[in-house]
Amino acid sequence: MNLRFLLRAGALFSASVMSATPSQAVELSGLWATSAGVCDKLFEKTGNDVSFRQDSDIYGSGLIIEGDRIRSQSAACRIRSRREDGAVVHFLAACSTDIMLSSVQFSLKIIDQDTISRIFPGLPGEEIGYYRCSL
């Protein structure tokens, strides 16, 4: 009887510890657009590859996040470091455009699984919202 009680108590303790652990961060990989209704106008899928459409900048801005890479219509970046601070993820990335290479710091605030905002720490109140797309 004591052994059965100890096993049950151990199982309950394990379950309570697992449920008390913080939830995993939102997976940022995917397609993000400044307006949820323009995903099909920003992105196109060819096989397993996703890219920006030729005239995508007419309809808004977007991001393609794939692991340690982030692409926009005008730049391609490789994430060099990432630091989470509550709901905000800070990045340091090496970015290239058609005319230059640069080191860029930026932050994304996680609103929910399908909504993020790019925030500008030096400019309170300035944010650009992005919505997850599916193709």
Protein backbone atom coordinates (compact mmCIF):
# COMPACT_ATOMS: atom_id res chain seq x y z
CA MET A 1 0.00 0.00 0.00
CA ASN A 2 2.80 2.44 0.84
CA LEU A 3 4.59 1.71 -2.44
CA ARG A 4 1.39 2.31 -4.42
CA PHE A 5 0.87 5.61 -2.55
CA LEU A 6 4.47 6.70 -3.26
CA LEU A 7 4.12 5.87 -6.97
CA ARG A 8 0.89 7.87 -7.24
CA ALA A 9 2.38 10.79 -5.32
CA GLY A 10 5.45 10.71 -7.57
CA ALA A 11 3.28 10.70 -10.69
CA LEU A 12 1.21 13.63 -9.41
CA PHE A 13 4.34 15.57 -8.51
CA SER A 14 5.85 14.95 -11.97
CA ALA A 15 2.64 16.05 -13.67
CA SER A 16 2.48 19.24 -11.61
CA VAL A 17 6.12 20.09 -12.34
CA MET A 18 5.65 19.53 -16.07
CA SER A 19 2.54 21.70 -16.17
CA ALA A 20 4.33 24.44 -14.20
CA THR A 21 7.18 24.74 -16.71
CA PRO A 22 6.96 27.78 -18.98
CA SER A 23 5.49 27.23 -22.41
CA GLN A 24 7.77 27.15 -25.41
CA ALA A 25 8.34 30.32 -27.40
CA VAL A 26 6.29 30.84 -30.54
CA GLU A 27 7.87 29.34 -33.63
CA LEU A 28 8.72 32.32 -35.83
CA SER A 29 9.59 30.36 -38.97
CA GLY A 30 7.13 31.04 -41.74
CA LEU A 31 5.63 33.76 -43.89
CA TRP A 32 4.59 37.08 -42.34
CA ALA A 33 2.71 39.97 -43.96
CA THR A 34 1.73 43.43 -42.73
CA SER A 35 -1.86 42.63 -43.73
CA ALA A 36 -3.39 39.18 -43.41
CA GLY A 37 -5.44 39.67 -46.58
CA VAL A 38 -2.52 40.12 -48.97
CA CYS A 39 -0.51 36.95 -48.37
CA ASP A 40 -1.20 35.57 -51.86
CA LYS A 41 -0.13 38.92 -53.38
CA LEU A 42 3.17 39.02 -51.46
CA PHE A 43 4.36 35.43 -51.68
CA GLU A 44 4.51 32.70 -54.29
CA LYS A 45 5.35 29.06 -53.86
CA THR A 46 7.29 27.06 -56.42
CA GLY A 47 7.73 23.45 -55.28
CA ASN A 48 9.09 23.69 -51.75
CA ASP A 49 10.50 27.20 -52.22
CA VAL A 50 8.71 30.38 -51.23
CA SER A 51 9.70 33.79 -52.55
CA PHE A 52 8.33 37.29 -52.90
CA ARG A 53 6.25 38.03 -55.97
CA GLN A 54 7.72 40.47 -58.50
CA ASP A 55 5.36 43.32 -57.54
CA SER A 56 4.88 42.42 -53.86
CA ASP A 57 5.97 45.82 -52.53
CA ILE A 58 2.81 47.36 -54.03
CA TYR A 59 0.67 45.40 -51.54
CA GLY A 60 2.67 45.79 -48.33
CA SER A 61 5.66 44.45 -46.53
CA GLY A 62 6.50 40.90 -45.56
CA LEU A 63 9.07 38.62 -44.01
CA ILE A 64 10.14 35.08 -44.77
CA ILE A 65 11.71 33.52 -41.67
CA GLU A 66 13.49 30.20 -42.14
CA GLY A 67 15.58 29.01 -39.20
CA ASP A 68 18.43 31.50 -38.84
CA ARG A 69 17.53 33.42 -42.02
CA ILE A 70 15.14 36.32 -42.48
CA ARG A 71 14.27 37.76 -45.88
CA SER A 72 12.32 40.88 -46.76
CA GLN A 73 11.65 42.35 -50.18
CA SER A 74 14.89 44.34 -50.01
CA ALA A 75 17.27 42.43 -47.71
CA ALA A 76 18.48 38.96 -46.78
CA CYS A 77 19.72 38.46 -43.22
CA ARG A 78 21.41 35.73 -41.23
CA ILE A 79 20.68 35.80 -37.50
CA ARG A 80 23.92 35.90 -35.53
CA SER A 81 22.38 36.05 -32.05
CA ARG A 82 18.96 35.93 -30.47
CA ARG A 83 17.89 36.88 -26.96
CA GLU A 84 14.42 36.49 -25.49
CA ASP A 85 13.15 39.00 -22.94
CA GLY A 86 9.63 37.95 -22.02
CA ALA A 87 7.43 38.43 -25.10
CA VAL A 88 10.17 40.30 -26.97
CA VAL A 89 12.89 38.61 -29.03
CA HIS A 90 15.97 40.70 -29.79
CA PHE A 91 18.09 39.84 -32.83
CA LEU A 92 21.49 40.76 -34.15
CA ALA A 93 21.73 39.89 -37.84
CA ALA A 94 24.16 40.23 -40.72
CA CYS A 95 22.12 41.63 -43.61
CA SER A 96 22.79 42.27 -47.27
CA THR A 97 20.95 44.36 -49.82
CA ASP A 98 21.74 45.00 -53.45
CA ILE A 99 24.15 47.75 -52.45
CA MET A 100 25.58 47.01 -49.00
CA LEU A 101 26.30 44.65 -46.11
CA SER A 102 25.45 45.69 -42.57
CA SER A 103 24.91 44.51 -39.04
CA VAL A 104 21.32 45.12 -37.92
CA GLN A 105 19.71 44.99 -34.49
CA PHE A 106 15.94 44.58 -34.34
CA SER A 107 13.26 43.28 -32.01
CA LEU A 108 10.02 41.37 -32.49
CA LYS A 109 7.23 41.36 -29.91
CA ILE A 110 5.19 38.16 -29.83
CA ILE A 111 1.49 39.03 -29.67
CA ASP A 112 0.22 35.48 -30.21
CA GLN A 113 1.10 32.45 -32.34
CA ASP A 114 0.05 34.20 -35.55
CA THR A 115 0.78 37.87 -34.79
CA ILE A 116 4.07 39.67 -34.15
CA SER A 117 5.17 43.31 -34.12
CA ARG A 118 8.50 44.74 -35.05
CA ILE A 119 9.28 47.24 -32.33
CA PHE A 120 11.79 50.05 -32.29
CA PRO A 121 13.19 50.34 -28.73
CA GLY A 122 14.39 53.93 -29.24
CA LEU A 123 11.00 55.03 -30.56
CA PRO A 124 8.24 54.19 -28.05
CA GLY A 125 4.90 53.51 -29.69
CA GLU A 126 6.40 52.78 -33.12
CA GLU A 127 5.49 49.25 -34.24
CA ILE A 128 4.86 47.38 -37.47
CA GLY A 129 2.43 44.48 -37.13
CA TYR A 130 2.85 41.23 -39.05
CA TYR A 131 0.39 38.37 -39.48
CA ARG A 132 1.29 34.74 -40.23
CA CYS A 133 0.43 33.60 -43.75
CA SER A 134 -0.20 30.13 -45.09
CA LEU A 135 0.02 29.22 -48.76
